[in-house]
PDB file of N, CA and C in Angstrom:
ATOM      1  N   UNK A   1     140.516  21.051   0.011  1.00  0.00           N
ATOM      2  CA  UNK A   1     141.171  21.871   0.989  1.00  0.00           C
ATOM      3  C   UNK A   1     141.766  21.006   2.184  1.00  0.00           C
ATOM      4  N   UNK A   2     142.838  21.647   2.568  1.00  0.00           N
ATOM      5  CA  UNK A   2     143.349  20.806   3.674  1.00  0.00           C
ATOM      6  C   UNK A   2     142.705  21.014   4.906  1.00  0.00           C
ATOM      7  N   UNK A   3     142.824  20.378   5.935  1.00  0.00           N
ATOM      8  CA  UNK A   3     142.294  20.335   7.285  1.00  0.00           C
ATOM      9  C   UNK A   3     142.831  21.460   8.001  1.00  0.00           C
ATOM     10  N   UNK A   4     144.216  21.576   7.974  1.00  0.00           N
ATOM     11  CA  UNK A   4     144.909  22.523   8.520  1.00  0.00           C
ATOM     12  C   UNK A   4     144.249  24.094   8.091  1.00  0.00           C
ATOM     13  N   UNK A   5     144.031  24.110   6.715  1.00  0.00           N
ATOM     14  CA  UNK A   5     143.431  25.516   6.144  1.00  0.00           C
ATOM     15  C   UNK A   5     142.112  25.715   6.746  1.00  0.00           C
ATOM     16  N   UNK A   6     141.263  24.754   6.819  1.00  0.00           N
ATOM     17  CA  UNK A   6     139.835  25.011   7.190  1.00  0.00           C
ATOM     18  C   UNK A   6     140.031  25.517   8.870  1.00  0.00           C
ATOM     19  N   UNK A   7     141.138  24.804   9.805  1.00  0.00           N
ATOM     20  CA  UNK A   7     141.040  25.194  11.021  1.00  0.00           C
ATOM     21  C   UNK A   7     141.567  26.632  11.007  1.00  0.00           C
ATOM     22  N   UNK A   8     142.488  27.261   9.998  1.00  0.00           N
ATOM     23  CA  UNK A   8     142.755  28.475  10.259  1.00  0.00           C
ATOM     24  C   UNK A   8     141.862  29.487   9.847  1.00  0.00           C
ATOM     25  N   UNK A   9     141.024  29.088   8.863  1.00  0.00           N
ATOM     26  CA  UNK A   9     140.040  29.800   8.498  1.00  0.00           C
ATOM     27  C   UNK A   9     139.089  30.058   9.595  1.00  0.00           C
ATOM     28  N   UNK A  10     138.718  28.863  10.147  1.00  0.00           N
ATOM     29  CA  UNK A  10     137.663  28.875  11.370  1.00  0.00           C
ATOM     30  C   UNK A  10     138.419  29.746  12.479  1.00  0.00           C
ATOM     31  N   UNK A  11     139.573  29.574  12.672  1.00  0.00           N
ATOM     32  CA  UNK A  11     140.100  30.548  13.768  1.00  0.00           C
ATOM     33  C   UNK A  11     140.337  31.903  13.547  1.00  0.00           C
ATOM     34  N   UNK A  12     140.249  32.148  12.164  1.00  0.00           N
ATOM     35  CA  UNK A  12     140.491  33.719  11.812  1.00  0.00           C
ATOM     36  C   UNK A  12     138.964  34.277  11.783  1.00  0.00           C
ATOM     37  N   UNK A  13     137.962  33.547  11.347  1.00  0.00           N
ATOM     38  CA  UNK A  13     136.814  33.717  11.546  1.00  0.00           C
ATOM     39  C   UNK A  13     136.035  34.046  12.782  1.00  0.00           C
ATOM     40  N   UNK A  14     136.591  33.005  13.839  1.00  0.00           N
ATOM     41  CA  UNK A  14     136.209  33.234  15.084  1.00  0.00           C
ATOM     42  C   UNK A  14     137.054  34.585  15.739  1.00  0.00           C
ATOM     43  N   UNK A  15     138.117  34.575  15.204  1.00  0.00           N
ATOM     44  CA  UNK A  15     139.091  35.823  15.792  1.00  0.00           C
ATOM     45  C   UNK A  15     138.182  36.891  15.384  1.00  0.00           C
ATOM     46  N   UNK A  16     137.842  37.278  14.117  1.00  0.00           N
ATOM     47  CA  UNK A  16     137.207  38.381  13.476  1.00  0.00           C
ATOM     48  C   UNK A  16     135.848  38.582  14.288  1.00  0.00           C
ATOM     49  N   UNK A  17     134.983  37.683  14.594  1.00  0.00           N
ATOM     50  CA  UNK A  17     133.876  37.687  15.350  1.00  0.00           C
ATOM     51  C   UNK A  17     134.125  38.051  16.750  1.00  0.00           C
ATOM     52  N   UNK A  18     135.143  37.687  17.334  1.00  0.00           N
ATOM     53  CA  UNK A  18     135.563  37.974  18.795  1.00  0.00           C
ATOM     54  C   UNK A  18     135.835  39.458  18.716  1.00  0.00           C
ATOM     55  N   UNK A  19     136.683  39.733  17.951  1.00  0.00           N
ATOM     56  CA  UNK A  19     137.054  41.159  17.720  1.00  0.00           C
ATOM     57  C   UNK A  19     135.901  42.305  17.537  1.00  0.00           C
ATOM     58  N   UNK A  20     134.879  41.739  16.573  1.00  0.00           N
ATOM     59  CA  UNK A  20     133.662  42.543  16.168  1.00  0.00           C
ATOM     60  C   UNK A  20     132.700  42.612  17.642  1.00  0.00           C
ATOM     61  N   UNK A  21     132.686  41.493  18.238  1.00  0.00           N
ATOM     62  CA  UNK A  21     131.937  41.631  19.628  1.00  0.00           C
ATOM     63  C   UNK A  21     132.660  42.505  20.468  1.00  0.00           C
ATOM     64  N   UNK A  22     133.910  42.298  20.739  1.00  0.00           N
ATOM     65  CA  UNK A  22     134.694  43.326  21.689  1.00  0.00           C
ATOM     66  C   UNK A  22     134.332  44.729  21.453  1.00  0.00           C
ATOM     67  N   UNK A  23     134.580  45.216  19.941  1.00  0.00           N
ATOM     68  CA  UNK A  23     134.401  46.368  19.798  1.00  0.00           C
ATOM     69  C   UNK A  23     133.043  46.823  19.878  1.00  0.00           C
ATOM     70  N   UNK A  24     131.889  45.904  19.692  1.00  0.00           N
ATOM     71  CA  UNK A  24     130.510  46.405  20.049  1.00  0.00           C
ATOM     72  C   UNK A  24     130.186  46.556  21.528  1.00  0.00           C
ATOM     73  N   UNK A  25     130.948  45.785  22.341  1.00  0.00           N
ATOM     74  CA  UNK A  25     131.003  45.775  23.729  1.00  0.00           C
ATOM     75  C   UNK A  25     131.476  47.035  24.102  1.00  0.00           C
ATOM     76  N   UNK A  26     132.742  47.628  23.338  1.00  0.00           N
ATOM     77  CA  UNK A  26     133.325  48.673  23.732  1.00  0.00           C
ATOM     78  C   UNK A  26     132.565  50.010  23.510  1.00  0.00           C
ATOM     79  N   UNK A  27     132.032  50.068  22.305  1.00  0.00           N
ATOM     80  CA  UNK A  27     131.360  50.914  21.852  1.00  0.00           C
ATOM     81  C   UNK A  27     129.844  51.186  22.942  1.00  0.00           C
ATOM     82  N   UNK A  28     129.225  49.991  23.207  1.00  0.00           N
ATOM     83  CA  UNK A  28     128.179  50.058  24.129  1.00  0.00           C
ATOM     84  C   UNK A  28     128.638  50.652  25.376  1.00  0.00           C
ATOM     85  N   UNK A  29     129.730  50.138  25.886  1.00  0.00           N
ATOM     86  CA  UNK A  29     130.371  50.885  27.089  1.00  0.00           C
ATOM     87  C   UNK A  29     130.531  52.532  26.876  1.00  0.00           C
ATOM     88  N   UNK A  30     131.219  52.939  25.710  1.00  0.00           N
ATOM     89  CA  UNK A  30     131.461  54.337  25.719  1.00  0.00           C
ATOM     90  C   UNK A  30     130.043  55.106  25.778  1.00  0.00           C
ATOM     91  N   UNK A  31     129.119  54.456  24.885  1.00  0.00           N
ATOM     92  CA  UNK A  31     127.704  55.154  24.766  1.00  0.00           C
ATOM     93  C   UNK A  31     127.256  55.341  26.112  1.00  0.00           C
ATOM     94  N   UNK A  32     127.192  54.172  27.075  1.00  0.00           N
ATOM     95  CA  UNK A  32     126.423  54.214  28.610  1.00  0.00           C
ATOM     96  C   UNK A  32     127.471  55.333  29.115  1.00  0.00           C
ATOM     97  N   UNK A  33     128.699  55.288  28.920  1.00  0.00           N
ATOM     98  CA  UNK A  33     129.545  56.419  29.630  1.00  0.00           C
ATOM     99  C   UNK A  33     129.109  57.885  29.144  1.00  0.00           C
ATOM    100  N   UNK A  34     128.981  58.094  28.041  1.00  0.00           N
ATOM    101  CA  UNK A  34     128.486  59.434  27.328  1.00  0.00           C
ATOM    102  C   UNK A  34     127.164  59.620  27.726  1.00  0.00           C
ATOM    103  N   UNK A  35     126.268  58.584  28.091  1.00  0.00           N
ATOM    104  CA  UNK A  35     125.012  58.995  28.603  1.00  0.00           C
ATOM    105  C   UNK A  35     125.151  59.303  29.938  1.00  0.00           C
ATOM    106  N   UNK A  36     125.997  58.783  30.951  1.00  0.00           N
ATOM    107  CA  UNK A  36     126.122  59.217  32.131  1.00  0.00           C
ATOM    108  C   UNK A  36     126.451  60.500  32.320  1.00  0.00           C
ATOM    109  N   UNK A  37     127.410  60.928  31.629  1.00  0.00           N
ATOM    110  CA  UNK A  37     128.016  62.209  31.622  1.00  0.00           C
ATOM    111  C   UNK A  37     126.718  63.512  31.155  1.00  0.00           C
ATOM    112  N   UNK A  38     126.011  62.927  30.004  1.00  0.00           N
ATOM    113  CA  UNK A  38     124.830  63.798  29.879  1.00  0.00           C
ATOM    114  C   UNK A  38     123.907  63.875  30.850  1.00  0.00           C
ATOM    115  N   UNK A  39     123.534  62.735  31.397  1.00  0.00           N
ATOM    116  CA  UNK A  39     122.718  62.535  32.490  1.00  0.00           C
ATOM    117  C   UNK A  39     123.171  63.380  33.701  1.00  0.00           C
ATOM    118  N   UNK A  40     124.344  63.256  33.908  1.00  0.00           N
ATOM    119  CA  UNK A  40     124.904  64.058  35.187  1.00  0.00           C
ATOM    120  C   UNK A  40     124.821  65.706  34.875  1.00  0.00           C
ATOM    121  N   UNK A  41     124.930  66.005  33.527  1.00  0.00           N
ATOM    122  CA  UNK A  41     125.158  67.622  33.536  1.00  0.00           C
ATOM    123  C   UNK A  41     123.686  68.260  33.581  1.00  0.00           C
ATOM    124  N   UNK A  42     122.542  67.170  33.090  1.00  0.00           N
ATOM    125  CA  UNK A  42     121.120  67.369  33.110  1.00  0.00           C
ATOM    126  C   UNK A  42     120.784  67.559  34.710  1.00  0.00           C
ATOM    127  N   UNK A  43     121.478  66.623  35.564  1.00  0.00           N
ATOM    128  CA  UNK A  43     121.142  66.809  36.888  1.00  0.00           C
ATOM    129  C   UNK A  43     121.493  68.043  37.481  1.00  0.00           C
ATOM    130  N   UNK A  44     122.912  68.279  37.195  1.00  0.00           N
ATOM    131  CA  UNK A  44     123.340  69.513  37.673  1.00  0.00           C
ATOM    132  C   UNK A  44     122.687  70.969  37.292  1.00  0.00           C
ATOM    133  N   UNK A  45     122.011  70.767  35.799  1.00  0.00           N
ATOM    134  CA  UNK A  45     121.464  71.879  35.539  1.00  0.00           C
ATOM    135  C   UNK A  45     120.099  72.185  36.527  1.00  0.00           C
ATOM    136  N   UNK A  46     119.283  70.720  36.591  1.00  0.00           N
ATOM    137  CA  UNK A  46     118.187  70.704  37.334  1.00  0.00           C
ATOM    138  C   UNK A  46     118.434  71.159  38.817  1.00  0.00           C
ATOM    139  N   UNK A  47     119.492  70.836  39.274  1.00  0.00           N
ATOM    140  CA  UNK A  47     119.663  71.210  40.700  1.00  0.00           C
ATOM    141  C   UNK A  47     119.944  72.852  40.784  1.00  0.00           C
ATOM    142  N   UNK A  48     120.560  73.333  39.838  1.00  0.00           N
ATOM    143  CA  UNK A  48     120.858  75.123  39.537  1.00  0.00           C
ATOM    144  C   UNK A  48     119.431  75.548  39.438  1.00  0.00           C
ATOM    145  N   UNK A  49     118.482  75.015  38.602  1.00  0.00           N
ATOM    146  CA  UNK A  49     117.318  75.489  38.446  1.00  0.00           C
ATOM    147  C   UNK A  49     116.165  75.307  39.754  1.00  0.00           C
ATOM    148  N   UNK A  50     116.658  74.243  40.402  1.00  0.00           N
ATOM    149  CA  UNK A  50     115.582  74.000  41.538  1.00  0.00           C
ATOM    150  C   UNK A  50     116.068  75.176  42.616  1.00  0.00           C
ATOM    151  N   UNK A  51     117.444  75.260  42.629  1.00  0.00           N
ATOM    152  CA  UNK A  51     117.741  76.365  43.709  1.00  0.00           C
ATOM    153  C   UNK A  51     117.341  77.724  43.273  1.00  0.00           C
ATOM    154  N   UNK A  52     117.493  78.189  42.058  1.00  0.00           N
ATOM    155  CA  UNK A  52     117.055  79.259  41.567  1.00  0.00           C
ATOM    156  C   UNK A  52     115.392  79.790  41.946  1.00  0.00           C
ATOM    157  N   UNK A  53     114.764  78.469  41.636  1.00  0.00           N
ATOM    158  CA  UNK A  53     113.493  78.555  41.665  1.00  0.00           C
ATOM    159  C   UNK A  53     113.144  78.637  43.186  1.00  0.00           C
ATOM    160  N   UNK A  54     113.768  77.701  44.233  1.00  0.00           N
ATOM    161  CA  UNK A  54     113.475  78.143  45.453  1.00  0.00           C
ATOM    162  C   UNK A  54     113.749  79.564  46.061  1.00  0.00           C
ATOM    163  N   UNK A  55     114.932  79.925  45.623  1.00  0.00           N
ATOM    164  CA  UNK A  55     115.284  81.456  45.805  1.00  0.00           C
ATOM    165  C   UNK A  55     114.233  82.457  45.443  1.00  0.00           C
ATOM    166  N   UNK A  56     113.741  82.376  44.270  1.00  0.00           N
ATOM    167  CA  UNK A  56     112.785  83.059  43.746  1.00  0.00           C
ATOM    168  C   UNK A  56     111.497  82.952  44.730  1.00  0.00           C
ATOM    169  N   UNK A  57     111.097  81.778  44.979  1.00  0.00           N
ATOM    170  CA  UNK A  57     110.136  81.510  45.867  1.00  0.00           C
ATOM    171  C   UNK A  57     110.047  82.078  47.241  1.00  0.00           C
ATOM    172  N   UNK A  58     111.296  81.958  47.978  1.00  0.00           N
ATOM    173  CA  UNK A  58     111.434  82.661  49.059  1.00  0.00           C
ATOM    174  C   UNK A  58     111.198  84.335  48.934  1.00  0.00           C
ATOM    175  N   UNK A  59     111.800  84.718  47.839  1.00  0.00           N
ATOM    176  CA  UNK A  59     111.818  85.980  47.657  1.00  0.00           C
ATOM    177  C   UNK A  59     110.398  86.372  47.568  1.00  0.00           C
ATOM    178  N   UNK A  60     109.569  85.783  46.781  1.00  0.00           N
ATOM    179  CA  UNK A  60     108.254  86.061  46.433  1.00  0.00           C
ATOM    180  C   UNK A  60     107.422  85.937  47.831  1.00  0.00           C
ATOM    181  N   UNK A  61     107.610  85.105  48.772  1.00  0.00           N
ATOM    182  CA  UNK A  61     106.915  84.945  50.117  1.00  0.00           C
ATOM    183  C   UNK A  61     107.344  85.924  50.699  1.00  0.00           C
ATOM    184  N   UNK A  62     108.642  86.378  50.936  1.00  0.00           N
ATOM    185  CA  UNK A  62     109.067  87.517  51.499  1.00  0.00           C
ATOM    186  C   UNK A  62     108.298  88.746  51.410  1.00  0.00           C
ATOM    187  N   UNK A  63     108.251  89.061  49.963  1.00  0.00           N
ATOM    188  CA  UNK A  63     107.656  90.291  49.389  1.00  0.00           C
ATOM    189  C   UNK A  63     105.937  90.169  49.628  1.00  0.00           C
ATOM    190  N   UNK A  64     105.360  88.937  49.442  1.00  0.00           N
ATOM    191  CA  UNK A  64     104.220  88.844  50.099  1.00  0.00           C
ATOM    192  C   UNK A  64     103.686  89.063  51.454  1.00  0.00           C
ATOM    193  N   UNK A  65     104.740  88.763  52.391  1.00  0.00           N
ATOM    194  CA  UNK A  65     104.333  89.120  53.828  1.00  0.00           C
ATOM    195  C   UNK A  65     104.616  90.346  53.886  1.00  0.00           C
ATOM    196  N   UNK A  66     105.696  90.938  53.267  1.00  0.00           N
ATOM    197  CA  UNK A  66     105.836  92.554  53.325  1.00  0.00           C
ATOM    198  C   UNK A  66     104.666  93.173  53.103  1.00  0.00           C
ATOM    199  N   UNK A  67     104.019  92.900  52.188  1.00  0.00           N
ATOM    200  CA  UNK A  67     102.752  93.694  51.415  1.00  0.00           C
ATOM    201  C   UNK A  67     101.569  93.523  52.699  1.00  0.00           C
ATOM    202  N   UNK A  68     101.626  92.135  53.200  1.00  0.00           N
ATOM    203  CA  UNK A  68     100.454  91.873  53.910  1.00  0.00           C
ATOM    204  C   UNK A  68     100.778  92.755  55.326  1.00  0.00           C
ATOM    205  N   UNK A  69     102.179  92.908  55.794  1.00  0.00           N
ATOM    206  CA  UNK A  69     102.429  93.827  56.597  1.00  0.00           C
ATOM    207  C   UNK A  69     102.071  95.299  56.468  1.00  0.00           C
ATOM    208  N   UNK A  70     102.245  95.729  55.332  1.00  0.00           N
ATOM    209  CA  UNK A  70     101.934  97.087  54.924  1.00  0.00           C
ATOM    210  C   UNK A  70     100.519  97.273  54.706  1.00  0.00           C
ATOM    211  N   UNK A  71      99.709  96.178  54.576  1.00  0.00           N
ATOM    212  CA  UNK A  71      98.317  96.476  54.393  1.00  0.00           C
ATOM    213  C   UNK A  71      97.617  96.273  55.628  1.00  0.00           C
ATOM    214  N   UNK A  72      98.035  95.753  56.568  1.00  0.00           N
ATOM    215  CA  UNK A  72      97.744  95.853  58.084  1.00  0.00           C
ATOM    216  C   UNK A  72      98.073  97.027  58.687  1.00  0.00           C
ATOM    217  N   UNK A  73      99.267  97.610  58.335  1.00  0.00           N
ATOM    218  CA  UNK A  73      99.846  98.899  58.941  1.00  0.00           C
ATOM    219  C   UNK A  73      98.774 100.110  58.409  1.00  0.00           C
ATOM    220  N   UNK A  74      98.494  99.963  57.248  1.00  0.00           N
ATOM    221  CA  UNK A  74      97.622 100.869  56.507  1.00  0.00           C
ATOM    222  C   UNK A  74      96.280 100.824  57.166  1.00  0.00           C
ATOM    223  N   UNK A  75      95.672  99.621  57.291  1.00  0.00           N
ATOM    224  CA  UNK A  75      94.487  99.525  57.878  1.00  0.00           C
ATOM    225  C   UNK A  75      94.396  99.869  59.344  1.00  0.00           C
ATOM    226  N   UNK A  76      95.649 100.004  60.055  1.00  0.00           N
ATOM    227  CA  UNK A  76      95.579 100.190  61.449  1.00  0.00           C
ATOM    228  C   UNK A  76      95.747 101.828  61.481  1.00  0.00           C
ATOM    229  N   UNK A  77      96.456 102.310  60.501  1.00  0.00           N
ATOM    230  CA  UNK A  77      96.309 103.948  60.439  1.00  0.00           C
ATOM    231  C   UNK A  77      95.061 104.336  59.950  1.00  0.00           C
ATOM    232  N   UNK A  78      94.316 103.756  59.020  1.00  0.00           N
ATOM    233  CA  UNK A  78      93.029 104.213  58.585  1.00  0.00           C
ATOM    234  C   UNK A  78      91.887 104.186  60.071  1.00  0.00           C
ATOM    235  N   UNK A  79      92.192 103.171  60.972  1.00  0.00           N
ATOM    236  CA  UNK A  79      91.492 102.961  62.130  1.00  0.00           C
ATOM    237  C   UNK A  79      91.537 104.190  62.875  1.00  0.00           C
ATOM    238  N   UNK A  80      92.944 104.293  63.009  1.00  0.00           N
ATOM    239  CA  UNK A  80      93.327 105.381  64.008  1.00  0.00           C
ATOM    240  C   UNK A  80      93.045 106.695  63.614  1.00  0.00           C
ATOM    241  N   UNK A  81      92.894 106.987  62.264  1.00  0.00           N
ATOM    242  CA  UNK A  81      92.735 108.320  61.691  1.00  0.00           C
ATOM    243  C   UNK A  81      90.989 108.474  61.857  1.00  0.00           C
ATOM    244  N   UNK A  82      90.567 107.359  61.668  1.00  0.00           N
ATOM    245  CA  UNK A  82      88.830 107.290  61.863  1.00  0.00           C
ATOM    246  C   UNK A  82      88.716 107.901  63.245  1.00  0.00           C
ATOM    247  N   UNK A  83      89.287 107.089  64.088  1.00  0.00           N
ATOM    248  CA  UNK A  83      89.048 107.374  65.613  1.00  0.00           C
ATOM    249  C   UNK A  83      89.292 108.597  66.072  1.00  0.00           C
ATOM    250  N   UNK A  84      90.395 109.220  65.329  1.00  0.00           N
ATOM    251  CA  UNK A  84      90.905 110.836  65.568  1.00  0.00           C
ATOM    252  C   UNK A  84      89.861 111.544  65.203  1.00  0.00           C
ATOM    253  N   UNK A  85      89.129 111.215  63.922  1.00  0.00           N
ATOM    254  CA  UNK A  85      87.965 112.172  63.282  1.00  0.00           C
ATOM    255  C   UNK A  85      86.638 111.982  64.354  1.00  0.00           C
ATOM    256  N   UNK A  86      86.639 110.798  64.817  1.00  0.00           N
ATOM    257  CA  UNK A  86      85.376 110.796  65.644  1.00  0.00           C
ATOM    258  C   UNK A  86      85.776 111.422  67.069  1.00  0.00           C
ATOM    259  N   UNK A  87      86.801 111.452  67.543  1.00  0.00           N
ATOM    260  CA  UNK A  87      87.289 111.963  68.936  1.00  0.00           C
ATOM    261  C   UNK A  87      87.191 113.637  68.465  1.00  0.00           C
ATOM    262  N   UNK A  88      87.664 114.038  67.414  1.00  0.00           N
ATOM    263  CA  UNK A  88      87.619 115.592  66.980  1.00  0.00           C
ATOM    264  C   UNK A  88      86.156 115.999  66.984  1.00  0.00           C
ATOM    265  N   UNK A  89      85.246 115.120  66.442  1.00  0.00           N
ATOM    266  CA  UNK A  89      83.842 115.448  66.423  1.00  0.00           C
ATOM    267  C   UNK A  89      83.292 115.634  67.576  1.00  0.00           C
ATOM    268  N   UNK A  90      83.661 114.539  68.545  1.00  0.00           N
ATOM    269  CA  UNK A  90      83.078 114.669  69.678  1.00  0.00           C
ATOM    270  C   UNK A  90      83.393 115.920  70.623  1.00  0.00           C
ATOM    271  N   UNK A  91      84.627 116.277  70.464  1.00  0.00           N
ATOM    272  CA  UNK A  91      85.321 117.407  70.919  1.00  0.00           C
ATOM    273  C   UNK A  91      84.488 118.745  70.674  1.00  0.00           C
ATOM    274  N   UNK A  92      84.360 118.629  69.119  1.00  0.00           N
ATOM    275  CA  UNK A  92      83.906 119.807  68.477  1.00  0.00           C
ATOM    276  C   UNK A  92      82.367 119.864  69.087  1.00  0.00           C
ATOM    277  N   UNK A  93      81.581 118.818  69.271  1.00  0.00           N
ATOM    278  CA  UNK A  93      80.278 118.801  69.598  1.00  0.00           C
ATOM    279  C   UNK A  93      80.109 119.428  71.174  1.00  0.00           C
ATOM    280  N   UNK A  94      80.968 118.618  71.846  1.00  0.00           N
ATOM    281  CA  UNK A  94      80.970 119.061  73.516  1.00  0.00           C
ATOM    282  C   UNK A  94      81.258 120.334  73.544  1.00  0.00           C
ATOM    283  N   UNK A  95      82.365 121.197  72.662  1.00  0.00           N
ATOM    284  CA  UNK A  95      82.718 122.599  72.606  1.00  0.00           C
ATOM    285  C   UNK A  95      81.306 123.322  72.263  1.00  0.00           C
ATOM    286  N   UNK A  96      80.677 123.031  71.325  1.00  0.00           N
ATOM    287  CA  UNK A  96      79.519 123.652  70.872  1.00  0.00           C
ATOM    288  C   UNK A  96      78.364 123.696  71.932  1.00  0.00           C
ATOM    289  N   UNK A  97      78.196 122.541  72.686  1.00  0.00           N
ATOM    290  CA  UNK A  97      77.230 122.551  73.789  1.00  0.00           C
ATOM    291  C   UNK A  97      77.687 123.463  74.963  1.00  0.00           C
ATOM    292  N   UNK A  98      78.961 123.521  75.145  1.00  0.00           N
ATOM    293  CA  UNK A  98      79.281 124.539  76.525  1.00  0.00           C
ATOM    294  C   UNK A  98      79.694 125.831  76.125  1.00  0.00           C
ATOM    295  N   UNK A  99      79.815 126.168  74.794  1.00  0.00           N
ATOM    296  CA  UNK A  99      80.081 127.472  74.302  1.00  0.00           C
ATOM    297  C   UNK A  99      79.131 128.417  74.416  1.00  0.00           C
ATOM    298  N   UNK A 100      79.159 129.294  74.997  1.00  0.00           N
ATOM    299  CA  UNK A 100      77.998 130.406  75.476  1.00  0.00           C
ATOM    300  C   UNK A 100      77.830 131.116  73.746  1.00  0.00           C
ATOM    301  N   UNK A 101      78.752 131.213  72.860  1.00  0.00           N
ATOM    302  CA  UNK A 101      78.523 131.699  71.879  1.00  0.00           C
ATOM    303  C   UNK A 101      78.160 130.982  70.771  1.00  0.00           C
ATOM    304  N   UNK A 102      77.588 129.666  70.769  1.00  0.00           N
ATOM    305  CA  UNK A 102      77.355 128.611  70.143  1.00  0.00           C
ATOM    306  C   UNK A 102      76.375 129.032  68.955  1.00  0.00           C
ATOM    307  N   UNK A 103      75.340 129.948  69.682  1.00  0.00           N
ATOM    308  CA  UNK A 103      74.054 130.276  69.058  1.00  0.00           C
ATOM    309  C   UNK A 103      74.493 131.120  67.616  1.00  0.00           C
ATOM    310  N   UNK A 104      75.798 131.757  67.628  1.00  0.00           N
ATOM    311  CA  UNK A 104      76.062 132.393  66.344  1.00  0.00           C
ATOM    312  C   UNK A 104      76.555 131.642  65.191  1.00  0.00           C
ATOM    313  N   UNK A 105      76.806 130.386  65.742  1.00  0.00           N
ATOM    314  CA  UNK A 105      77.213 129.306  64.701  1.00  0.00           C
ATOM    315  C   UNK A 105      76.194 128.489  64.099  1.00  0.00           C
ATOM    316  N   UNK A 106      75.998 127.888  62.846  1.00  0.00           N
ATOM    317  CA  UNK A 106      75.045 127.326  62.221  1.00  0.00           C
ATOM    318  C   UNK A 106      75.292 125.907  63.026  1.00  0.00           C
ATOM    319  N   UNK A 107      76.457 125.309  62.783  1.00  0.00           N
ATOM    320  CA  UNK A 107      76.248 123.822  63.406  1.00  0.00           C
ATOM    321  C   UNK A 107      77.716 123.418  64.161  1.00  0.00           C
ATOM    322  N   UNK A 108      78.452 124.596  64.441  1.00  0.00           N
ATOM    323  CA  UNK A 108      79.387 124.304  65.436  1.00  0.00           C
ATOM    324  C   UNK A 108      80.709 124.812  64.676  1.00  0.00           C
ATOM    325  N   UNK A 109      80.399 124.865  63.332  1.00  0.00           N
ATOM    326  CA  UNK A 109      81.900 125.253  62.718  1.00  0.00           C
ATOM    327  C   UNK A 109      82.288 126.924  62.788  1.00  0.00           C
ATOM    328  N   UNK A 110      83.519 126.948  62.512  1.00  0.00           N
ATOM    329  CA  UNK A 110      83.898 128.542  62.767  1.00  0.00           C
ATOM    330  C   UNK A 110      83.336 129.200  61.513  1.00  0.00           C
ATOM    331  N   UNK A 111      83.126 128.766  60.401  1.00  0.00           N
ATOM    332  CA  UNK A 111      82.975 129.699  59.188  1.00  0.00           C
ATOM    333  C   UNK A 111      81.543 129.525  59.026  1.00  0.00           C
ATOM    334  N   UNK A 112      80.545 128.964  59.700  1.00  0.00           N
ATOM    335  CA  UNK A 112      79.230 128.985  59.321  1.00  0.00           C
ATOM    336  C   UNK A 112      78.801 128.065  58.107  1.00  0.00           C
ATOM    337  N   UNK A 113      79.646 127.267  57.750  1.00  0.00           N
ATOM    338  CA  UNK A 113      79.443 126.345  56.752  1.00  0.00           C
ATOM    339  C   UNK A 113      79.219 124.862  57.487  1.00  0.00           C
ATOM    340  N   UNK A 114      78.013 124.237  56.987  1.00  0.00           N
ATOM    341  CA  UNK A 114      77.817 122.855  57.430  1.00  0.00           C
ATOM    342  C   UNK A 114      79.145 121.930  57.824  1.00  0.00           C
ATOM    343  N   UNK A 115      79.230 121.297  58.718  1.00  0.00           N
ATOM    344  CA  UNK A 115      80.373 120.280  58.701  1.00  0.00           C
ATOM    345  C   UNK A 115      79.783 119.081  58.328  1.00  0.00           C
ATOM    346  N   UNK A 116      79.991 118.492  57.337  1.00  0.00           N
ATOM    347  CA  UNK A 116      79.526 117.149  56.561  1.00  0.00           C
ATOM    348  C   UNK A 116      79.904 115.936  57.636  1.00  0.00           C
ATOM    349  N   UNK A 117      80.930 116.126  58.219  1.00  0.00           N
ATOM    350  CA  UNK A 117      81.524 115.016  59.032  1.00  0.00           C
ATOM    351  C   UNK A 117      80.486 114.674  60.230  1.00  0.00           C
ATOM    352  N   UNK A 118      79.847 115.983  60.711  1.00  0.00           N
ATOM    353  CA  UNK A 118      78.887 115.671  61.868  1.00  0.00           C
ATOM    354  C   UNK A 118      77.516 114.760  61.474  1.00  0.00           C
ATOM    355  N   UNK A 119      77.274 114.807  60.256  1.00  0.00           N
ATOM    356  CA  UNK A 119      76.048 114.130  59.715  1.00  0.00           C
ATOM    357  C   UNK A 119      76.306 112.787  59.156  1.00  0.00           C
ATOM    358  N   UNK A 120      77.737 112.638  59.026  1.00  0.00           N
ATOM    359  CA  UNK A 120      78.123 111.534  58.127  1.00  0.00           C
ATOM    360  C   UNK A 120      78.073 110.446  59.022  1.00  0.00           C
ATOM    361  N   UNK A 121      77.815 108.923  58.641  1.00  0.00           N
ATOM    362  CA  UNK A 121      77.666 107.919  59.534  1.00  0.00           C
ATOM    363  C   UNK A 121      79.451 107.530  59.562  1.00  0.00           C
ATOM    364  N   UNK A 122      79.999 107.389  60.566  1.00  0.00           N
ATOM    365  CA  UNK A 122      81.429 107.189  61.033  1.00  0.00           C
ATOM    366  C   UNK A 122      81.777 105.751  60.286  1.00  0.00           C
ATOM    367  N   UNK A 123      80.846 104.978  60.355  1.00  0.00           N
ATOM    368  CA  UNK A 123      81.143 103.850  59.813  1.00  0.00           C
ATOM    369  C   UNK A 123      81.349 103.588  58.241  1.00  0.00           C
ATOM    370  N   UNK A 124      80.856 104.601  57.556  1.00  0.00           N
ATOM    371  CA  UNK A 124      80.766 104.713  56.132  1.00  0.00           C
ATOM    372  C   UNK A 124      82.056 105.539  55.811  1.00  0.00           C
ATOM    373  N   UNK A 125      82.618 106.397  56.776  1.00  0.00           N
ATOM    374  CA  UNK A 125      83.555 107.417  56.369  1.00  0.00           C
ATOM    375  C   UNK A 125      84.912 106.754  56.001  1.00  0.00           C
ATOM    376  N   UNK A 126      85.533 107.195  54.926  1.00  0.00           N
ATOM    377  CA  UNK A 126      86.732 106.863  54.406  1.00  0.00           C
ATOM    378  C   UNK A 126      87.831 107.754  54.650  1.00  0.00           C
ATOM    379  N   UNK A 127      89.121 107.288  54.839  1.00  0.00           N
ATOM    380  CA  UNK A 127      90.014 108.144  55.289  1.00  0.00           C
ATOM    381  C   UNK A 127      91.100 108.301  54.006  1.00  0.00           C
TER     382      UNK A 127
END
């Protein structure tokens, strides 16, 4: 073989190797770009999910606060009702004490039936 042919073959082989190397680098660059796009999409989906989760969490907190407010209001109403019962019982007892016709009543009730509230412990009463 002639020296020129060996040099041409070496240059062609070298050119092929360079072309393969460049194609490989191009494919790697394309693969990295594709991965960047996929990662970006995942980050966007994560942000949407995080936003949705925070919104749901805020709604749950708001609902829990409303429930606590309602429970506190119900408890306050129950206390007010209990106090109203105690006040009514006290007025009834006082009326029975000063009523000259109270002897006709068994325990101060208008129909002769015993009033359970008069003997019931106010602390145990439920409204």
